[in-house]
N, C-alpha and C. Protein backbone atom coordinates (compact mmCIF):
# COMPACT_ATOMS: atom_id res chain seq x y z
N MET A 1 136.66 131.25 99.94
CA MET A 1 135.81 130.09 100.07
C MET A 1 136.37 128.98 99.19
N GLN A 2 136.46 127.80 99.76
CA GLN A 2 137.01 126.67 99.03
C GLN A 2 135.93 126.04 98.17
N GLY A 3 136.26 125.72 96.92
CA GLY A 3 135.29 125.08 96.01
C GLY A 3 135.05 123.64 96.41
N ILE A 4 133.95 123.13 95.95
CA ILE A 4 133.62 121.74 96.22
C ILE A 4 134.30 120.89 95.17
N GLY A 5 135.16 120.00 95.61
CA GLY A 5 135.88 119.13 94.70
C GLY A 5 135.57 117.68 94.99
N ARG A 6 136.45 116.83 94.60
CA ARG A 6 136.24 115.40 94.77
C ARG A 6 136.14 115.00 96.23
N SER A 7 136.83 115.72 97.11
CA SER A 7 136.80 115.32 98.51
C SER A 7 135.46 115.59 99.16
N GLY A 8 134.77 116.67 98.76
CA GLY A 8 133.48 116.97 99.36
C GLY A 8 132.34 116.61 98.44
N GLY A 9 132.45 117.02 97.19
CA GLY A 9 131.43 116.70 96.21
C GLY A 9 130.08 117.29 96.55
N TYR A 10 129.09 116.77 95.93
CA TYR A 10 127.73 117.21 96.20
C TYR A 10 126.79 116.02 96.03
N PRO A 11 125.69 116.01 96.76
CA PRO A 11 124.77 114.88 96.65
C PRO A 11 123.99 114.92 95.34
N ARG A 12 123.65 113.75 94.85
CA ARG A 12 122.83 113.60 93.66
C ARG A 12 121.56 112.87 94.07
N ASP A 13 120.43 113.50 93.86
CA ASP A 13 119.16 112.85 94.16
C ASP A 13 118.81 111.88 93.03
N VAL A 14 118.44 110.67 93.40
CA VAL A 14 117.99 109.67 92.43
C VAL A 14 116.53 109.40 92.76
N ASN A 15 115.64 109.80 91.86
CA ASN A 15 114.21 109.58 92.01
C ASN A 15 113.81 108.40 91.14
N PHE A 16 112.97 107.51 91.67
CA PHE A 16 112.54 106.37 90.87
C PHE A 16 111.08 106.04 91.12
N THR A 17 110.46 105.45 90.10
CA THR A 17 109.08 104.98 90.15
C THR A 17 109.05 103.57 89.59
N VAL A 18 108.31 102.69 90.26
CA VAL A 18 108.20 101.29 89.85
C VAL A 18 106.73 100.94 89.77
N GLN A 19 106.34 100.22 88.72
CA GLN A 19 104.99 99.68 88.63
C GLN A 19 105.11 98.17 88.62
N THR A 20 104.31 97.50 89.44
CA THR A 20 104.41 96.05 89.58
C THR A 20 103.25 95.36 88.86
N TYR A 21 103.56 94.18 88.33
CA TYR A 21 102.60 93.40 87.57
C TYR A 21 102.61 91.95 88.05
N ASP A 22 101.50 91.24 87.80
CA ASP A 22 101.47 89.81 88.10
C ASP A 22 101.97 89.04 86.88
N GLY A 23 101.95 87.72 86.93
CA GLY A 23 102.45 86.88 85.86
C GLY A 23 101.68 87.00 84.55
N LEU A 24 100.48 87.56 84.60
CA LEU A 24 99.66 87.73 83.40
C LEU A 24 99.75 89.14 82.83
N GLY A 25 100.59 89.97 83.44
CA GLY A 25 100.77 91.34 82.95
C GLY A 25 99.76 92.34 83.49
N ARG A 26 98.99 91.93 84.49
CA ARG A 26 98.04 92.86 85.12
C ARG A 26 98.71 93.58 86.28
N VAL A 27 98.36 94.85 86.47
CA VAL A 27 98.92 95.62 87.58
C VAL A 27 98.60 94.91 88.89
N LYS A 28 99.60 94.79 89.74
CA LYS A 28 99.42 94.11 91.02
C LYS A 28 99.94 95.00 92.13
N ASP A 29 99.11 95.20 93.14
CA ASP A 29 99.51 95.98 94.32
C ASP A 29 100.17 95.02 95.30
N LEU A 30 101.43 95.26 95.63
CA LEU A 30 102.17 94.38 96.53
C LEU A 30 102.02 94.76 98.00
N GLY A 31 101.43 95.90 98.27
CA GLY A 31 101.27 96.35 99.65
C GLY A 31 102.51 97.04 100.16
N SER A 32 103.62 96.31 100.24
CA SER A 32 104.87 96.93 100.68
C SER A 32 105.99 96.50 99.74
N LEU A 33 106.95 97.38 99.58
CA LEU A 33 108.07 97.16 98.68
C LEU A 33 109.28 97.85 99.28
N SER A 34 110.47 97.32 99.05
CA SER A 34 111.68 97.97 99.53
C SER A 34 112.73 97.94 98.44
N TYR A 35 113.75 98.79 98.59
CA TYR A 35 114.84 98.83 97.63
C TYR A 35 116.16 98.61 98.34
N ASN A 36 117.14 98.13 97.58
CA ASN A 36 118.48 97.90 98.10
C ASN A 36 119.45 98.22 96.97
N ILE A 37 120.25 99.27 97.11
CA ILE A 37 121.20 99.70 96.09
C ILE A 37 122.56 99.10 96.42
N LEU A 38 123.10 98.30 95.51
CA LEU A 38 124.40 97.66 95.68
C LEU A 38 125.40 98.32 94.75
N GLY A 39 126.67 98.09 94.98
CA GLY A 39 127.70 98.62 94.11
C GLY A 39 128.12 100.03 94.47
N VAL A 40 127.75 100.50 95.63
CA VAL A 40 128.18 101.81 96.12
C VAL A 40 128.91 101.59 97.44
N SER A 41 129.74 102.54 97.84
CA SER A 41 130.54 102.38 99.06
C SER A 41 129.67 102.22 100.31
N PHE A 42 128.58 102.94 100.35
CA PHE A 42 127.69 102.89 101.51
C PHE A 42 126.31 102.47 101.01
N PRO A 43 125.96 101.18 101.14
CA PRO A 43 124.69 100.68 100.58
C PRO A 43 123.49 101.52 101.03
N LYS A 44 122.56 101.67 100.12
CA LYS A 44 121.32 102.40 100.39
C LYS A 44 120.18 101.41 100.35
N SER A 45 119.25 101.54 101.27
CA SER A 45 118.08 100.67 101.27
C SER A 45 116.98 101.34 102.05
N GLY A 46 115.77 100.86 101.86
CA GLY A 46 114.65 101.38 102.60
C GLY A 46 113.33 101.01 101.98
N PRO A 47 112.25 101.38 102.64
CA PRO A 47 110.93 101.09 102.09
C PRO A 47 110.62 102.02 100.93
N VAL A 48 109.76 101.58 100.03
CA VAL A 48 109.32 102.38 98.90
C VAL A 48 107.86 102.76 99.14
N ALA A 49 107.55 104.04 99.00
CA ALA A 49 106.20 104.53 99.29
C ALA A 49 105.23 104.18 98.17
N ALA A 50 104.07 103.66 98.54
CA ALA A 50 103.01 103.40 97.57
C ALA A 50 102.36 104.73 97.19
N THR A 51 101.94 104.84 95.95
CA THR A 51 101.24 106.04 95.51
C THR A 51 99.73 105.77 95.51
N ALA A 52 98.95 106.74 95.09
CA ALA A 52 97.50 106.56 95.03
C ALA A 52 97.11 105.59 93.92
N ASP A 53 98.00 105.38 92.94
CA ASP A 53 97.72 104.44 91.85
C ASP A 53 98.08 103.03 92.28
N PRO A 54 97.19 102.06 92.09
CA PRO A 54 97.48 100.67 92.48
C PRO A 54 98.74 100.15 91.79
N GLY A 55 99.61 99.50 92.54
CA GLY A 55 100.80 98.88 91.99
C GLY A 55 101.91 99.84 91.61
N VAL A 56 101.78 101.13 91.93
CA VAL A 56 102.81 102.11 91.59
C VAL A 56 103.47 102.60 92.89
N TYR A 57 104.81 102.55 92.90
CA TYR A 57 105.59 102.93 94.06
C TYR A 57 106.64 103.95 93.62
N THR A 58 106.95 104.89 94.48
CA THR A 58 107.95 105.90 94.14
C THR A 58 108.76 106.26 95.38
N ASP A 59 110.00 106.58 95.17
CA ASP A 59 110.86 107.01 96.27
C ASP A 59 112.11 107.67 95.71
N LYS A 60 113.04 108.00 96.59
CA LYS A 60 114.30 108.60 96.17
C LYS A 60 115.37 108.30 97.20
N PHE A 61 116.62 108.43 96.77
CA PHE A 61 117.76 108.33 97.67
C PHE A 61 118.84 109.26 97.15
N GLN A 62 119.86 109.49 97.95
CA GLN A 62 120.96 110.37 97.55
C GLN A 62 122.25 109.58 97.40
N LEU A 63 123.03 109.96 96.40
CA LEU A 63 124.38 109.44 96.23
C LEU A 63 125.35 110.60 96.36
N THR A 64 126.45 110.37 97.05
CA THR A 64 127.51 111.37 97.17
C THR A 64 128.75 110.86 96.46
N ASP A 65 129.75 111.70 96.32
CA ASP A 65 131.02 111.26 95.73
C ASP A 65 131.58 110.07 96.52
N ASN A 66 131.47 110.11 97.85
CA ASN A 66 131.98 109.01 98.66
C ASN A 66 131.24 107.71 98.37
N ASP A 67 129.93 107.77 98.14
CA ASP A 67 129.16 106.58 97.78
C ASP A 67 129.68 105.97 96.49
N LEU A 68 130.20 106.82 95.60
CA LEU A 68 130.61 106.39 94.27
C LEU A 68 132.12 106.19 94.13
N GLY A 69 132.82 106.07 95.25
CA GLY A 69 134.23 105.75 95.18
C GLY A 69 135.18 106.74 95.81
N GLY A 70 134.66 107.78 96.45
CA GLY A 70 135.52 108.73 97.15
C GLY A 70 136.49 109.43 96.23
N ASN A 71 137.77 109.41 96.57
CA ASN A 71 138.80 110.09 95.77
C ASN A 71 138.93 109.51 94.37
N GLY A 72 138.49 108.27 94.18
CA GLY A 72 138.56 107.65 92.86
C GLY A 72 137.40 108.04 91.96
N PHE A 73 136.43 108.77 92.51
CA PHE A 73 135.28 109.17 91.71
C PHE A 73 135.68 110.29 90.75
N THR A 74 135.36 110.13 89.48
CA THR A 74 135.79 111.08 88.45
C THR A 74 134.83 112.24 88.26
N GLY A 75 133.65 112.16 88.84
CA GLY A 75 132.66 113.22 88.65
C GLY A 75 131.64 112.89 87.59
N GLN A 76 131.88 111.83 86.83
CA GLN A 76 130.94 111.43 85.79
C GLN A 76 129.72 110.80 86.44
N GLU A 77 128.55 111.19 85.96
CA GLU A 77 127.31 110.62 86.50
C GLU A 77 127.24 109.14 86.15
N PRO A 78 126.83 108.29 87.08
CA PRO A 78 126.71 106.86 86.78
C PRO A 78 125.57 106.63 85.79
N LYS A 79 125.76 105.68 84.89
CA LYS A 79 124.72 105.32 83.92
C LYS A 79 123.80 104.26 84.50
N SER A 80 124.33 103.41 85.35
CA SER A 80 123.52 102.40 86.02
C SER A 80 124.19 102.04 87.33
N ILE A 81 123.40 101.55 88.23
CA ILE A 81 123.90 101.11 89.53
C ILE A 81 123.49 99.68 89.72
N LEU A 82 124.44 98.81 89.96
CA LEU A 82 124.15 97.38 90.11
C LEU A 82 123.68 97.07 91.51
């Protein structure tokens, strides 16, 4: 069996939660929200699901080695994504 290396890699789940506020710092429910991840080989985007808490949204996406540069990816986890 061939090991998973840089050519195949493995997906990394990125889970995130966002809370939205108005200009006065009060929680604000936006109704709908979307995300757009830039700086990866294959841009990720989509709607963000609202939770039961007002103004709180949560979702997830996957990054693969190819998303992070393919053969140039070193295997180090990204610290931030622009």
